[in-house]
Amino acid sequence: MKILQLGKFYPILGGVEKVMYDLMTGLASRGVDCDMMCASAEGPRRREKINGRATLYVCRTIGKFASTMISPEMVSLLKKECGRYDIIHIHAPDPMACLALYFSGYRGKVVLHWHSDILKNRVLLALYGPFQKWLIRRADMIVGTTPVYVEKSPYLQKVQHKVGWIPIGIPPMQPDPEKVRRIRDAYPGKRIIFSLGRLIPYKGYRYLVEAASLLDDSYMVLIGGSGPLKDALQSQIDSLGLGARVRLLGHVADEDLPSWFGACDLFCMSSIYKTEACGIVQLEAMSCAKPVVATLIPDSGVPWVNRHGVSGLNAEPGNPAALADAVKSVFLNGQEYRRYSQNALERYRTVFTKDNMLDECMKLYERLYGKEC
């Protein structure tokens, strides 16, 4: 059985690409031939042999339109190579990958991985809409990353008979004890609230900053990540006089990231829109046994990932007071805090491991392929 993961771009810049890459390498480690084809986010075309069962194809791009990499080379390469694959696993939303599949003439099985709806880009949706409808019809099976998102997506209501879900799985974070100690020493006696993501509107960081003004000086809010809202957030921090209670960390290097999760007392995800479909950062925090405060985004998988009252608490999105109250509630007493911590780790281990994701993916492929691989 030969599988192709199709979609998005390389190098890995977000959750969709990470899921694709982890599926490719994970399935290959289990003896399944699995390649990955995507557009180049930077640099020329390349073909890289990852191991004996996995090859990465990165197609050259000629530009970008409406957040979509334009790659005619992906169309021609997929048309040439698609006949070698028994299953093409396409990750959406990605109009370029959809167009490549549409023009490829591929006749085999198709898995459509529905990571999120296209929500705000009306120009893109107007142009891509007919192809998206074709892709939904063409798919033999559609899977989401949470049951909630695919059940509620307006685009999938008529195809629920072929809709399922496979939870995102990640390797556990491995904090470096020395780095954790240094971070904790930098904020002595503080309850460290960590958040991580691009500094963009839907992440809701302005509400997290405002929530910090409702916490006392025993809390320290650390926000990792870069983005266009950096200056606006820093101005908000300064105007509220929160320089000693909120800090923007900027870009956090991959090798340091586990230690920030390890050093914090609680992870907070303040996102406000359904654009946040799942939140891999929640899984990373849970793998370190950290309670989570997230938001009740309607029709999103975010509050499903963080089970309210189990692995943490979920607050009304865009409500700083509710966010602050949820943070304070987690720390009401030591016994409750330890319960949230233990439950967060247990939820990670039972639902969100990489092995679990690969197991579920293998079961799906076996059903479509018609025999065990």
Protein backbone atom coordinates (compact mmCIF):
# COMPACT_ATOMS: atom_id res chain seq x y z
CA MET A 1 0.00 0.00 0.00
CA LYS A 2 1.35 3.42 -1.01
CA ILE A 3 0.06 6.65 0.51
CA LEU A 4 0.60 10.29 -0.46
CA GLN A 5 0.07 13.15 2.00
CA LEU A 6 -0.92 16.16 -0.13
CA GLY A 7 -1.27 19.81 0.81
CA LYS A 8 0.06 23.01 2.35
CA PHE A 9 3.73 23.90 2.22
CA TYR A 10 7.22 23.28 3.53
CA PRO A 11 9.10 24.06 5.73
CA ILE A 12 6.63 23.43 8.54
CA LEU A 13 5.01 26.68 9.62
CA GLY A 14 1.79 25.51 11.23
CA GLY A 15 -0.29 22.67 12.59
CA VAL A 16 -1.52 21.27 9.27
CA GLU A 17 1.97 20.83 7.89
CA LYS A 18 3.11 19.26 11.15
CA VAL A 19 0.31 16.69 11.02
CA MET A 20 1.21 15.84 7.42
CA TYR A 21 4.89 15.42 8.19
CA ASP A 22 4.23 13.37 11.33
CA LEU A 23 1.89 11.07 9.40
CA MET A 24 4.48 10.58 6.66
CA THR A 25 7.36 9.77 9.01
CA GLY A 26 5.23 7.83 11.48
CA LEU A 27 3.59 5.62 8.89
CA ALA A 28 6.93 5.01 7.21
CA SER A 29 8.35 3.86 10.55
CA ARG A 30 5.54 1.30 10.65
CA GLY A 31 6.47 -0.13 7.28
CA VAL A 32 3.97 1.79 5.13
CA ASP A 33 5.22 3.56 2.00
CA CYS A 34 4.12 7.15 2.59
CA ASP A 35 5.30 10.24 0.71
CA MET A 36 4.42 13.92 1.10
CA MET A 37 3.87 16.51 -1.65
CA CYS A 38 3.51 20.21 -0.92
CA ALA A 39 4.35 23.68 -2.20
CA SER A 40 7.53 25.50 -1.28
CA ALA A 41 7.03 28.27 1.26
CA GLU A 42 10.57 29.39 0.52
CA GLY A 43 13.37 28.29 -1.77
CA PRO A 44 13.47 26.10 -4.88
CA ARG A 45 11.92 22.74 -5.67
CA ARG A 46 13.41 19.75 -3.93
CA ARG A 47 13.03 16.02 -3.60
CA GLU A 48 14.31 14.57 -0.36
CA LYS A 49 14.46 10.93 0.62
CA ILE A 50 13.44 10.92 4.28
CA ASN A 51 14.02 7.19 4.68
CA GLY A 52 13.50 3.97 2.73
CA ARG A 53 9.71 4.39 2.77
CA ALA A 54 9.18 8.16 2.68
CA THR A 55 10.02 10.85 0.12
CA LEU A 56 9.29 14.57 0.48
CA TYR A 57 8.35 16.40 -2.73
CA VAL A 58 8.49 20.20 -2.43
CA CYS A 59 7.13 21.96 -5.53
CA ARG A 60 8.34 25.35 -6.67
CA THR A 61 5.92 28.27 -6.27
CA ILE A 62 5.56 31.33 -8.48
CA GLY A 63 3.74 33.54 -6.00
CA LYS A 64 1.03 33.80 -3.38
CA PHE A 65 -2.61 34.79 -3.70
CA ALA A 66 -5.21 34.98 -0.92
CA SER A 67 -2.91 33.09 1.49
CA THR A 68 -2.47 30.30 -1.09
CA MET A 69 0.88 29.30 -2.57
CA ILE A 70 0.57 29.18 -6.38
CA SER A 71 2.41 26.14 -7.75
CA PRO A 72 1.71 24.98 -11.32
CA GLU A 73 4.52 22.50 -10.74
CA MET A 74 2.39 20.71 -8.14
CA VAL A 75 -0.30 20.15 -10.78
CA SER A 76 2.12 18.67 -13.30
CA LEU A 77 4.05 16.59 -10.74
CA LEU A 78 0.92 15.08 -9.19
CA LYS A 79 -0.46 14.25 -12.62
CA LYS A 80 2.77 12.43 -13.38
CA GLU A 81 3.10 10.60 -10.03
CA CYS A 82 -0.46 10.01 -8.79
CA GLY A 83 -0.83 6.59 -10.44
CA ARG A 84 1.76 5.16 -8.01
CA TYR A 85 -0.48 5.71 -4.98
CA ASP A 86 -3.35 3.64 -3.62
CA ILE A 87 -4.61 6.45 -1.37
CA ILE A 88 -4.12 10.21 -1.57
CA HIS A 89 -4.63 11.85 1.82
CA ILE A 90 -5.31 15.52 1.08
CA HIS A 91 -5.24 18.14 3.85
CA ALA A 92 -7.67 21.06 3.64
CA PRO A 93 -8.10 23.92 3.41
CA ASP A 94 -5.50 24.18 0.66
CA PRO A 95 -6.86 25.31 -2.73
CA MET A 96 -3.59 24.54 -4.54
CA ALA A 97 -3.59 20.91 -3.44
CA CYS A 98 -7.25 20.61 -4.38
CA LEU A 99 -6.58 22.00 -7.87
CA ALA A 100 -3.65 19.62 -8.31
CA LEU A 101 -5.86 16.65 -7.41
CA TYR A 102 -8.68 17.90 -9.64
CA PHE A 103 -6.46 18.10 -12.72
CA SER A 104 -4.43 14.96 -11.96
CA GLY A 105 -6.97 12.46 -13.25
CA TYR A 106 -6.32 10.32 -10.17
CA ARG A 107 -8.76 7.40 -9.85
CA GLY A 108 -7.76 5.86 -6.51
CA LYS A 109 -9.08 6.36 -3.00
CA VAL A 110 -9.09 9.84 -1.44
CA VAL A 111 -9.06 10.78 2.24
CA LEU A 112 -9.98 14.40 2.90
CA HIS A 113 -8.54 15.69 6.18
CA TRP A 114 -10.73 18.65 7.14
CA HIS A 115 -8.58 20.76 9.44
CA SER A 116 -10.79 23.87 9.32
CA ASP A 117 -13.35 25.81 7.31
CA ILE A 118 -12.37 28.82 5.24
CA LEU A 119 -13.98 31.52 7.36
CA LYS A 120 -13.01 35.08 6.48
CA ASN A 121 -11.36 35.06 3.06
CA ARG A 122 -14.44 35.65 0.95
CA VAL A 123 -12.49 36.24 -2.24
CA LEU A 124 -10.73 32.91 -1.87
CA LEU A 125 -13.95 31.09 -0.99
CA ALA A 126 -15.78 32.58 -3.98
CA LEU A 127 -13.09 31.34 -6.36
CA TYR A 128 -12.41 28.06 -4.60
CA GLY A 129 -15.99 27.18 -3.64
CA PRO A 130 -16.83 25.00 -6.68
CA PHE A 131 -13.58 23.04 -6.32
CA GLN A 132 -14.19 22.57 -2.60
CA LYS A 133 -17.62 21.12 -3.36
CA TRP A 134 -16.03 18.77 -5.87
CA LEU A 135 -13.42 17.67 -3.34
CA ILE A 136 -16.07 16.93 -0.71
CA ARG A 137 -17.98 14.79 -3.25
CA ARG A 138 -14.81 13.13 -4.50
CA ALA A 139 -13.53 12.07 -1.07
CA ASP A 140 -14.14 8.47 -0.04
CA MET A 141 -13.76 9.46 3.62
CA ILE A 142 -13.59 12.82 5.40
CA VAL A 143 -11.92 13.12 8.78
CA GLY A 144 -11.61 16.03 11.17
CA THR A 145 -9.29 16.58 14.09
CA THR A 146 -12.18 16.72 16.58
CA PRO A 147 -15.73 15.33 16.34
CA VAL A 148 -17.24 18.74 17.10
CA TYR A 149 -15.72 20.60 14.18
CA VAL A 150 -16.78 18.20 11.45
CA GLU A 151 -20.26 17.75 12.95
CA LYS A 152 -20.82 21.52 12.95
CA SER A 153 -19.10 22.53 9.70
CA PRO A 154 -21.74 23.94 7.33
CA TYR A 155 -19.87 22.49 4.36
CA LEU A 156 -20.09 18.90 5.61
CA GLN A 157 -23.74 18.66 6.66
CA LYS A 158 -24.84 16.65 3.62
CA VAL A 159 -21.98 14.12 3.79
CA GLN A 160 -22.05 13.12 7.45
CA HIS A 161 -22.37 9.47 6.38
CA LYS A 162 -18.71 9.52 5.34
CA VAL A 163 -17.38 11.84 8.04
CA GLY A 164 -15.24 10.70 10.98
CA TRP A 165 -12.41 12.09 13.07
CA ILE A 166 -8.84 11.31 14.00
CA PRO A 167 -7.40 13.27 16.94
CA ILE A 168 -4.12 15.04 16.36
CA GLY A 169 -1.32 13.20 18.13
CA ILE A 170 2.05 14.57 19.16
CA PRO A 171 5.19 13.24 20.83
CA PRO A 172 5.37 14.36 24.47
CA MET A 173 7.26 17.51 25.26
CA GLN A 174 10.61 16.79 26.94
CA PRO A 175 11.55 19.78 29.15
CA ASP A 176 15.19 20.33 30.01
CA PRO A 177 15.40 20.47 33.86
CA GLU A 178 18.18 23.06 33.81
CA LYS A 179 16.31 25.35 31.42
CA VAL A 180 13.14 24.92 33.48
CA ARG A 181 15.05 25.92 36.61
CA ARG A 182 16.44 29.04 34.93
CA ILE A 183 12.98 30.13 33.78
CA ARG A 184 11.49 29.56 37.22
CA ASP A 185 14.38 31.44 38.85
CA ALA A 186 13.67 34.44 36.60
CA TYR A 187 10.18 34.72 38.12
CA PRO A 188 10.60 33.71 41.78
CA GLY A 189 7.42 33.06 43.70
CA LYS A 190 5.20 33.63 40.65
CA ARG A 191 2.42 31.52 39.21
CA ILE A 192 3.53 31.40 35.59
CA ILE A 193 0.77 31.55 32.97
CA PHE A 194 2.19 30.60 29.57
CA SER A 195 0.60 31.20 26.17
CA LEU A 196 2.00 30.56 22.72
CA GLY A 197 1.03 31.45 19.18
CA ARG A 198 1.17 33.99 16.39
CA LEU A 199 0.39 37.53 17.52
CA ILE A 200 -2.67 37.88 15.30
CA PRO A 201 -6.27 38.93 16.06
CA TYR A 202 -8.02 35.57 16.37
CA LYS A 203 -5.61 34.46 19.12
CA GLY A 204 -7.31 36.95 21.44
CA TYR A 205 -4.16 38.10 23.19
CA ARG A 206 -5.54 41.57 23.91
CA TYR A 207 -8.13 39.90 26.13
CA LEU A 208 -5.44 37.89 27.88
CA VAL A 209 -3.48 41.08 28.55
CA GLU A 210 -6.61 42.74 29.93
CA ALA A 211 -7.31 39.62 32.02
CA ALA A 212 -3.84 40.03 33.55
CA SER A 213 -4.93 43.40 34.92
CA LEU A 214 -7.55 41.50 36.95
CA LEU A 215 -4.97 39.16 38.48
CA ASP A 216 -2.75 40.08 41.41
CA ASP A 217 1.04 40.35 41.44
CA SER A 218 1.47 36.67 42.28
CA TYR A 219 0.80 35.88 38.59
CA MET A 220 3.15 36.29 35.63
CA VAL A 221 1.74 36.03 32.10
CA LEU A 222 4.30 35.04 29.46
CA ILE A 223 3.25 35.14 25.79
CA GLY A 224 5.52 33.42 23.29
CA GLY A 225 5.41 34.09 19.57
CA SER A 226 5.82 36.83 17.00
CA GLY A 227 3.43 38.56 14.64
CA PRO A 228 1.93 41.84 13.42
CA LEU A 229 0.22 42.70 16.72
CA LYS A 230 3.44 42.81 18.74
CA ASP A 231 3.64 46.60 18.96
CA ALA A 232 -0.08 46.99 19.69
CA LEU A 233 0.08 44.43 22.49
CA GLN A 234 3.18 46.02 23.98
CA SER A 235 1.43 49.41 23.93
CA GLN A 236 -1.55 47.86 25.71
CA ILE A 237 0.74 46.31 28.34
CA ASP A 238 2.45 49.66 28.89
CA SER A 239 -0.77 51.68 29.03
CA LEU A 240 -2.24 49.32 31.64
CA GLY A 241 0.94 49.42 33.70
CA LEU A 242 1.41 45.65 33.39
CA GLY A 243 5.11 45.59 32.57
CA ALA A 244 5.82 43.58 35.72
CA ARG A 245 2.96 41.15 35.13
CA VAL A 246 2.92 40.48 31.36
CA ARG A 247 5.88 39.84 29.09
CA LEU A 248 6.04 39.22 25.35
CA LEU A 249 8.76 36.62 24.81
CA GLY A 250 8.99 36.92 21.03
CA HIS A 251 9.88 33.88 18.96
CA VAL A 252 10.56 30.80 21.08
CA ALA A 253 13.09 28.41 19.53
CA ASP A 254 11.90 24.85 19.01
CA GLU A 255 14.64 23.45 21.24
CA ASP A 256 13.54 25.73 24.11
CA LEU A 257 9.80 25.31 23.75
CA PRO A 258 9.39 22.16 25.91
CA SER A 259 11.11 23.90 28.80
CA TRP A 260 8.67 26.83 28.72
CA PHE A 261 5.82 24.33 28.98
CA GLY A 262 7.69 22.55 31.75
CA ALA A 263 8.29 25.77 33.68
CA CYS A 264 4.76 27.16 33.59
CA ASP A 265 2.04 26.44 36.13
CA LEU A 266 -0.84 26.80 33.67
CA PHE A 267 -1.25 27.14 29.92
CA CYS A 268 -3.78 29.65 28.59
CA MET A 269 -5.21 29.78 25.06
CA SER A 270 -7.31 32.90 24.62
CA SER A 271 -8.42 32.42 20.99
CA ILE A 272 -11.78 33.95 20.07
CA TYR A 273 -12.74 32.63 16.60
CA LYS A 274 -13.44 29.26 15.02
CA THR A 275 -10.27 29.80 12.99
CA GLU A 276 -8.73 28.07 16.03
CA ALA A 277 -10.04 24.61 15.20
CA CYS A 278 -8.16 22.49 17.74
CA GLY A 279 -5.07 24.07 19.29
CA ILE A 280 -2.05 21.76 19.23
CA VAL A 281 -0.47 23.91 21.93
CA GLN A 282 -3.07 22.56 24.34
CA LEU A 283 -1.83 19.03 23.66
CA GLU A 284 1.76 20.10 24.23
CA ALA A 285 0.82 21.60 27.60
CA MET A 286 -1.15 18.50 28.60
CA SER A 287 1.82 16.27 27.77
CA CYS A 288 3.68 18.20 30.50
CA ALA A 289 0.79 17.71 32.98
CA LYS A 290 -0.18 21.37 32.85
CA PRO A 291 -3.79 22.48 33.41
CA VAL A 292 -5.28 24.47 30.55
CA VAL A 293 -7.56 27.48 30.44
CA ALA A 294 -9.08 27.81 26.97
CA THR A 295 -12.20 29.34 25.44
CA LEU A 296 -15.70 28.16 24.54
CA ILE A 297 -15.45 29.01 20.84
CA PRO A 298 -18.76 27.99 19.21
CA ASP A 299 -18.50 25.00 16.83
CA SER A 300 -14.73 24.73 17.40
CA GLY A 301 -12.89 21.70 18.76
CA VAL A 302 -10.93 23.83 21.25
CA PRO A 303 -13.22 23.25 24.28
CA TRP A 304 -13.55 19.58 23.34
CA VAL A 305 -9.79 19.17 23.56
CA ASN A 306 -9.69 20.85 26.97
CA ARG A 307 -12.47 19.12 28.88
CA HIS A 308 -14.06 21.63 31.20
CA GLY A 309 -13.64 20.68 34.83
CA VAL A 310 -11.32 17.82 33.90
CA SER A 311 -8.08 18.98 32.25
CA GLY A 312 -8.78 22.62 33.02
CA LEU A 313 -11.48 25.24 32.50
CA ASN A 314 -13.01 26.95 29.46
CA ALA A 315 -14.13 30.59 29.52
CA GLU A 316 -16.29 32.76 27.32
CA PRO A 317 -14.17 34.01 24.38
CA GLY A 318 -13.38 37.71 24.31
CA ASN A 319 -14.24 38.12 28.00
CA PRO A 320 -11.21 39.18 30.08
CA ALA A 321 -13.07 38.86 33.40
CA ALA A 322 -14.17 35.29 32.59
CA LEU A 323 -10.63 34.42 31.53
CA ALA A 324 -9.16 35.84 34.75
CA ASP A 325 -11.77 34.05 36.87
CA ALA A 326 -10.97 30.73 35.18
CA VAL A 327 -7.25 31.18 35.82
CA LYS A 328 -7.85 31.99 39.48
CA SER A 329 -10.24 29.06 39.87
CA VAL A 330 -7.61 26.56 38.76
CA PHE A 331 -5.44 27.69 41.68
CA LEU A 332 -8.18 27.81 44.34
CA ASN A 333 -6.61 24.95 46.27
CA GLY A 334 -3.70 22.61 45.83
CA GLN A 335 -5.80 19.47 45.62
CA GLU A 336 -7.89 20.82 42.73
CA TYR A 337 -4.79 22.04 40.93
CA ARG A 338 -3.18 18.59 41.21
CA ARG A 339 -6.37 16.98 39.90
CA TYR A 340 -6.37 19.21 36.82
CA SER A 341 -2.69 18.44 36.26
CA GLN A 342 -3.12 14.69 36.51
CA ASN A 343 -6.22 14.73 34.31
CA ALA A 344 -4.47 16.82 31.67
CA LEU A 345 -1.65 14.29 31.45
CA GLU A 346 -4.10 11.38 31.38
CA ARG A 347 -6.15 13.00 28.60
CA TYR A 348 -2.99 13.44 26.55
CA ARG A 349 -1.95 9.83 27.09
CA THR A 350 -5.35 8.34 26.21
CA VAL A 351 -6.31 10.55 23.25
CA PHE A 352 -3.57 12.75 21.85
CA THR A 353 -0.41 10.64 21.47
CA LYS A 354 1.25 10.28 18.09
CA ASP A 355 0.82 6.50 18.29
CA ASN A 356 -2.92 6.89 18.72
CA MET A 357 -3.13 9.17 15.66
CA LEU A 358 -1.15 6.65 13.60
CA ASP A 359 -3.27 3.74 14.85
CA GLU A 360 -6.50 5.46 13.79
CA CYS A 361 -5.03 6.47 10.45
CA MET A 362 -3.91 2.91 9.75
CA LYS A 363 -7.41 1.59 10.52
CA LEU A 364 -8.87 4.07 8.05
CA TYR A 365 -6.42 3.14 5.32
CA GLU A 366 -7.04 -0.56 5.88
CA ARG A 367 -10.77 -0.06 5.42
CA LEU A 368 -10.27 1.88 2.22
CA TYR A 369 -7.56 -0.40 0.86
CA GLY A 370 -9.67 -3.48 1.44
CA LYS A 371 -7.11 -5.52 3.31
CA GLU A 372 -4.64 -5.26 6.14
CA CYS A 373 -1.41 -3.50 5.34
